[in-house]
Amino acid sequence: MAIIKYKLVSSSGKMITPSYVDDGGYWWDLSQSYPDDSEYIGYVKDGVEFPNDLTTYTLSELQARQREIHSRHPMRVGGEPDDAEMTDEQVNAAIKEWVDARS
């Protein structure tokens, strides 16, 4: 499996997830304009080819990316705007849980 950062692609006038992404649409940076500049996290199954110019992440690299975004746009414990902000440890745990579920 590969953890990747990707952008949506245009297909028949719609913006869609590229076909090589098995599960995507996670953790875009809210600083980016949607959908033109939005970069998402997804994963690609073993054996599936994808463009070699995409950024790939290890677990620790993805956790670092998310903590940096979290410092500007806090992730919430329950996901709702009024919920408490996650700690860095909770962000790391959420990312690890996501990666483990796809490994």
N, C-alpha and C. Protein backbone atom coordinates (compact mmCIF):
# COMPACT_ATOMS: atom_id res chain seq x y z
N MET A 1 0.84 -1.18 0.00
CA MET A 1 0.00 0.00 0.00
C MET A 1 0.88 1.24 0.00
N ALA A 2 0.41 2.27 -0.66
CA ALA A 2 1.10 3.56 -0.66
C ALA A 2 0.13 4.62 -0.16
N ILE A 3 0.60 5.47 0.74
CA ILE A 3 -0.16 6.62 1.20
C ILE A 3 0.29 7.78 0.32
N ILE A 4 -0.66 8.44 -0.34
CA ILE A 4 -0.32 9.48 -1.30
C ILE A 4 -1.08 10.78 -1.03
N LYS A 5 -0.52 11.86 -1.56
CA LYS A 5 -1.22 13.14 -1.62
C LYS A 5 -1.56 13.34 -3.09
N TYR A 6 -2.82 13.65 -3.38
CA TYR A 6 -3.26 13.79 -4.77
C TYR A 6 -4.27 14.92 -4.90
N LYS A 7 -4.51 15.31 -6.13
CA LYS A 7 -5.55 16.29 -6.44
C LYS A 7 -6.66 15.60 -7.23
N LEU A 8 -7.84 16.17 -7.17
CA LEU A 8 -8.94 15.68 -7.99
C LEU A 8 -8.60 15.93 -9.46
N VAL A 9 -9.20 15.11 -10.33
CA VAL A 9 -9.00 15.27 -11.77
C VAL A 9 -10.34 15.55 -12.43
N SER A 10 -10.30 16.23 -13.56
CA SER A 10 -11.51 16.55 -14.28
C SER A 10 -11.92 15.38 -15.17
N SER A 11 -13.21 15.06 -15.12
CA SER A 11 -13.77 14.00 -15.96
C SER A 11 -15.19 14.38 -16.33
N SER A 12 -15.43 14.58 -17.60
CA SER A 12 -16.76 14.95 -18.09
C SER A 12 -17.31 16.17 -17.36
N GLY A 13 -16.45 17.14 -17.10
CA GLY A 13 -16.88 18.38 -16.46
C GLY A 13 -17.02 18.31 -14.96
N LYS A 14 -16.69 17.17 -14.35
CA LYS A 14 -16.77 17.01 -12.90
C LYS A 14 -15.38 16.76 -12.35
N MET A 15 -15.17 17.13 -11.11
CA MET A 15 -13.92 16.83 -10.43
C MET A 15 -14.11 15.53 -9.66
N ILE A 16 -13.24 14.55 -9.95
CA ILE A 16 -13.37 13.22 -9.34
C ILE A 16 -12.03 12.77 -8.78
N THR A 17 -12.09 11.76 -7.92
CA THR A 17 -10.89 11.12 -7.39
C THR A 17 -10.28 10.27 -8.50
N PRO A 18 -8.95 10.33 -8.68
CA PRO A 18 -8.31 9.52 -9.71
C PRO A 18 -8.58 8.02 -9.48
N SER A 19 -8.62 7.27 -10.56
CA SER A 19 -8.99 5.85 -10.49
C SER A 19 -7.98 5.00 -9.71
N TYR A 20 -6.74 5.41 -9.60
CA TYR A 20 -5.74 4.62 -8.89
C TYR A 20 -5.88 4.73 -7.37
N VAL A 21 -6.66 5.71 -6.89
CA VAL A 21 -6.87 5.88 -5.45
C VAL A 21 -7.97 4.92 -5.00
N ASP A 22 -7.62 4.02 -4.08
CA ASP A 22 -8.61 3.05 -3.59
C ASP A 22 -9.52 3.68 -2.53
N ASP A 23 -8.96 4.49 -1.68
CA ASP A 23 -9.73 5.14 -0.63
C ASP A 23 -9.11 6.51 -0.42
N GLY A 24 -9.85 7.56 -0.70
CA GLY A 24 -9.26 8.89 -0.63
C GLY A 24 -10.23 9.94 -0.12
N GLY A 25 -9.77 11.18 -0.22
CA GLY A 25 -10.59 12.32 0.19
C GLY A 25 -10.34 12.76 1.61
N TYR A 26 -9.23 12.34 2.19
CA TYR A 26 -8.95 12.63 3.59
C TYR A 26 -8.03 13.83 3.76
N TRP A 27 -8.24 14.57 4.81
CA TRP A 27 -7.34 15.57 5.39
C TRP A 27 -6.79 16.57 4.40
N TRP A 28 -7.67 17.27 3.71
CA TRP A 28 -7.20 18.36 2.87
C TRP A 28 -6.88 19.55 3.77
N ASP A 29 -6.04 20.40 3.24
CA ASP A 29 -5.63 21.61 3.95
C ASP A 29 -6.65 22.69 3.64
N LEU A 30 -7.36 23.16 4.66
CA LEU A 30 -8.43 24.14 4.45
C LEU A 30 -7.91 25.48 3.93
N SER A 31 -6.59 25.66 3.90
CA SER A 31 -6.01 26.88 3.34
C SER A 31 -6.06 26.88 1.82
N GLN A 32 -6.29 25.73 1.23
CA GLN A 32 -6.29 25.60 -0.23
C GLN A 32 -7.69 25.88 -0.77
N SER A 33 -7.75 26.43 -1.99
CA SER A 33 -9.06 26.69 -2.59
C SER A 33 -9.64 25.40 -3.14
N TYR A 34 -10.91 25.18 -2.87
CA TYR A 34 -11.60 23.97 -3.31
C TYR A 34 -12.27 24.23 -4.65
N PRO A 35 -12.27 23.30 -5.59
CA PRO A 35 -11.49 22.08 -5.60
C PRO A 35 -10.16 22.22 -6.33
N ASP A 36 -9.89 23.38 -6.91
CA ASP A 36 -8.74 23.53 -7.80
C ASP A 36 -7.40 23.22 -7.15
N ASP A 37 -7.18 23.69 -5.95
CA ASP A 37 -5.88 23.50 -5.31
C ASP A 37 -5.90 22.47 -4.19
N SER A 38 -7.05 21.90 -3.92
CA SER A 38 -7.16 20.97 -2.80
C SER A 38 -6.34 19.72 -3.04
N GLU A 39 -5.55 19.37 -2.05
CA GLU A 39 -4.75 18.15 -2.08
C GLU A 39 -5.26 17.24 -0.98
N TYR A 40 -5.55 16.02 -1.33
CA TYR A 40 -6.14 15.06 -0.41
C TYR A 40 -5.16 13.94 -0.11
N ILE A 41 -5.44 13.22 0.95
CA ILE A 41 -4.68 12.03 1.29
C ILE A 41 -5.54 10.82 0.94
N GLY A 42 -4.91 9.83 0.37
CA GLY A 42 -5.58 8.59 0.04
C GLY A 42 -4.57 7.46 0.03
N TYR A 43 -5.06 6.28 -0.28
CA TYR A 43 -4.11 5.19 -0.40
C TYR A 43 -4.35 4.42 -1.68
N VAL A 44 -3.26 3.82 -2.12
CA VAL A 44 -3.25 3.03 -3.35
C VAL A 44 -2.88 1.60 -2.95
N LYS A 45 -3.63 0.63 -3.44
CA LYS A 45 -3.35 -0.76 -3.13
C LYS A 45 -2.03 -1.21 -3.77
N ASP A 46 -1.41 -2.18 -3.15
CA ASP A 46 -0.20 -2.77 -3.70
C ASP A 46 -0.46 -3.26 -5.12
N GLY A 47 0.48 -3.02 -6.01
CA GLY A 47 0.38 -3.47 -7.39
C GLY A 47 -0.34 -2.52 -8.32
N VAL A 48 -0.95 -1.48 -7.79
CA VAL A 48 -1.65 -0.50 -8.62
C VAL A 48 -0.68 0.63 -8.96
N GLU A 49 -0.55 0.94 -10.23
CA GLU A 49 0.36 2.00 -10.65
C GLU A 49 -0.29 3.36 -10.43
N PHE A 50 0.56 4.33 -10.08
CA PHE A 50 0.11 5.70 -9.92
C PHE A 50 1.25 6.61 -10.35
N PRO A 51 0.96 7.86 -10.66
CA PRO A 51 2.01 8.77 -11.15
C PRO A 51 3.17 8.87 -10.16
N ASN A 52 4.39 8.79 -10.68
CA ASN A 52 5.55 8.80 -9.79
C ASN A 52 5.91 10.19 -9.28
N ASP A 53 5.18 11.21 -9.71
CA ASP A 53 5.46 12.56 -9.20
C ASP A 53 4.58 12.92 -8.00
N LEU A 54 3.75 11.99 -7.54
CA LEU A 54 2.93 12.25 -6.35
C LEU A 54 3.77 12.11 -5.09
N THR A 55 3.43 12.88 -4.08
CA THR A 55 4.08 12.76 -2.78
C THR A 55 3.54 11.53 -2.08
N THR A 56 4.44 10.70 -1.56
CA THR A 56 4.05 9.55 -0.75
C THR A 56 4.51 9.78 0.68
N TYR A 57 3.85 9.12 1.61
CA TYR A 57 4.14 9.32 3.03
C TYR A 57 4.31 8.00 3.75
N THR A 58 5.22 8.02 4.72
CA THR A 58 5.25 6.98 5.73
C THR A 58 4.27 7.40 6.81
N LEU A 59 4.02 6.54 7.76
CA LEU A 59 3.13 6.90 8.87
C LEU A 59 3.64 8.15 9.58
N SER A 60 4.92 8.18 9.93
CA SER A 60 5.43 9.33 10.69
C SER A 60 5.40 10.62 9.86
N GLU A 61 5.63 10.52 8.56
CA GLU A 61 5.55 11.71 7.70
C GLU A 61 4.12 12.22 7.60
N LEU A 62 3.16 11.31 7.50
CA LEU A 62 1.75 11.73 7.44
C LEU A 62 1.33 12.35 8.76
N GLN A 63 1.77 11.77 9.87
CA GLN A 63 1.45 12.36 11.17
C GLN A 63 2.02 13.77 11.29
N ALA A 64 3.24 13.97 10.82
CA ALA A 64 3.86 15.31 10.87
C ALA A 64 3.08 16.29 10.01
N ARG A 65 2.65 15.85 8.81
CA ARG A 65 1.85 16.72 7.93
C ARG A 65 0.57 17.14 8.64
N GLN A 66 -0.10 16.17 9.24
CA GLN A 66 -1.38 16.47 9.87
C GLN A 66 -1.23 17.33 11.11
N ARG A 67 -0.16 17.15 11.87
CA ARG A 67 0.06 18.03 13.02
C ARG A 67 0.30 19.46 12.57
N GLU A 68 1.01 19.63 11.46
CA GLU A 68 1.26 20.98 10.94
C GLU A 68 -0.06 21.63 10.51
N ILE A 69 -0.90 20.90 9.78
CA ILE A 69 -2.21 21.44 9.39
C ILE A 69 -3.06 21.68 10.63
N HIS A 70 -3.01 20.76 11.58
CA HIS A 70 -3.75 20.88 12.84
C HIS A 70 -3.37 22.15 13.59
N SER A 71 -2.11 22.57 13.48
CA SER A 71 -1.67 23.79 14.17
C SER A 71 -2.35 25.04 13.60
N ARG A 72 -2.82 24.96 12.35
CA ARG A 72 -3.50 26.09 11.71
C ARG A 72 -5.00 25.91 11.65
N HIS A 73 -5.44 24.68 11.51
CA HIS A 73 -6.86 24.33 11.38
C HIS A 73 -7.11 23.12 12.28
N PRO A 74 -7.38 23.34 13.56
CA PRO A 74 -7.44 22.25 14.52
C PRO A 74 -8.45 21.15 14.17
N MET A 75 -7.99 19.92 14.31
CA MET A 75 -8.88 18.77 14.21
C MET A 75 -9.66 18.71 15.52
N ARG A 76 -10.89 18.26 15.45
CA ARG A 76 -11.77 18.22 16.61
C ARG A 76 -12.00 16.78 17.05
N VAL A 77 -12.13 16.58 18.37
CA VAL A 77 -12.30 15.24 18.93
C VAL A 77 -13.49 14.52 18.30
N GLY A 78 -14.61 15.17 18.18
CA GLY A 78 -15.79 14.55 17.60
C GLY A 78 -16.05 14.97 16.17
N GLY A 79 -15.24 15.86 15.65
CA GLY A 79 -15.40 16.32 14.28
C GLY A 79 -16.33 17.49 14.08
N GLU A 80 -17.00 17.91 15.14
CA GLU A 80 -17.93 19.04 15.04
C GLU A 80 -17.23 20.34 15.45
N PRO A 81 -17.65 21.48 14.89
CA PRO A 81 -16.97 22.75 15.18
C PRO A 81 -16.88 23.11 16.66
N ASP A 82 -17.87 22.73 17.47
CA ASP A 82 -17.85 23.08 18.89
C ASP A 82 -17.15 22.05 19.77
N ASP A 83 -16.69 20.94 19.19
CA ASP A 83 -15.99 19.91 19.95
C ASP A 83 -14.60 20.39 20.35
N ALA A 84 -14.04 19.78 21.36
CA ALA A 84 -12.70 20.13 21.83
C ALA A 84 -11.66 19.84 20.75
N GLU A 85 -10.60 20.65 20.75
CA GLU A 85 -9.50 20.42 19.82
C GLU A 85 -8.73 19.17 20.24
N MET A 86 -8.29 18.41 19.26
CA MET A 86 -7.44 17.26 19.54
C MET A 86 -6.07 17.74 19.99
N THR A 87 -5.42 16.93 20.81
CA THR A 87 -4.02 17.16 21.14
C THR A 87 -3.19 16.58 19.99
N ASP A 88 -1.90 16.91 19.97
CA ASP A 88 -1.03 16.32 18.95
C ASP A 88 -1.01 14.80 19.07
N GLU A 89 -1.06 14.29 20.29
CA GLU A 89 -1.09 12.84 20.51
C GLU A 89 -2.36 12.22 19.92
N GLN A 90 -3.48 12.91 20.06
CA GLN A 90 -4.73 12.41 19.49
C GLN A 90 -4.69 12.45 17.97
N VAL A 91 -4.08 13.49 17.40
CA VAL A 91 -3.92 13.56 15.95
C VAL A 91 -3.09 12.38 15.49
N ASN A 92 -1.95 12.14 16.15
CA ASN A 92 -1.09 11.01 15.78
C ASN A 92 -1.85 9.69 15.86
N ALA A 93 -2.63 9.52 16.92
CA ALA A 93 -3.38 8.28 17.10
C ALA A 93 -4.44 8.11 16.01
N ALA A 94 -5.12 9.19 15.65
CA ALA A 94 -6.15 9.12 14.60
C ALA A 94 -5.53 8.74 13.25
N ILE A 95 -4.37 9.31 12.95
CA ILE A 95 -3.69 9.00 11.69
C ILE A 95 -3.23 7.55 11.71
N LYS A 96 -2.66 7.10 12.82
CA LYS A 96 -2.20 5.71 12.92
C LYS A 96 -3.37 4.74 12.76
N GLU A 97 -4.49 5.06 13.38
CA GLU A 97 -5.67 4.20 13.26
C GLU A 97 -6.12 4.10 11.79
N TRP A 98 -6.09 5.22 11.08
CA TRP A 98 -6.47 5.24 9.66
C TRP A 98 -5.51 4.38 8.84
N VAL A 99 -4.21 4.55 9.07
CA VAL A 99 -3.21 3.78 8.33
C VAL A 99 -3.35 2.29 8.67
N ASP A 100 -3.46 1.96 9.94
CA ASP A 100 -3.57 0.55 10.35
C ASP A 100 -4.79 -0.12 9.74
N ALA A 101 -5.88 0.60 9.61
CA ALA A 101 -7.11 0.02 9.04
C ALA A 101 -6.95 -0.30 7.55
N ARG A 102 -5.93 0.25 6.92
CA ARG A 102 -5.73 0.04 5.48
C ARG A 102 -4.49 -0.79 5.19
N SER A 103 -3.81 -1.21 6.21
CA SER A 103 -2.58 -2.00 6.04
C SER A 103 -2.86 -3.48 5.98
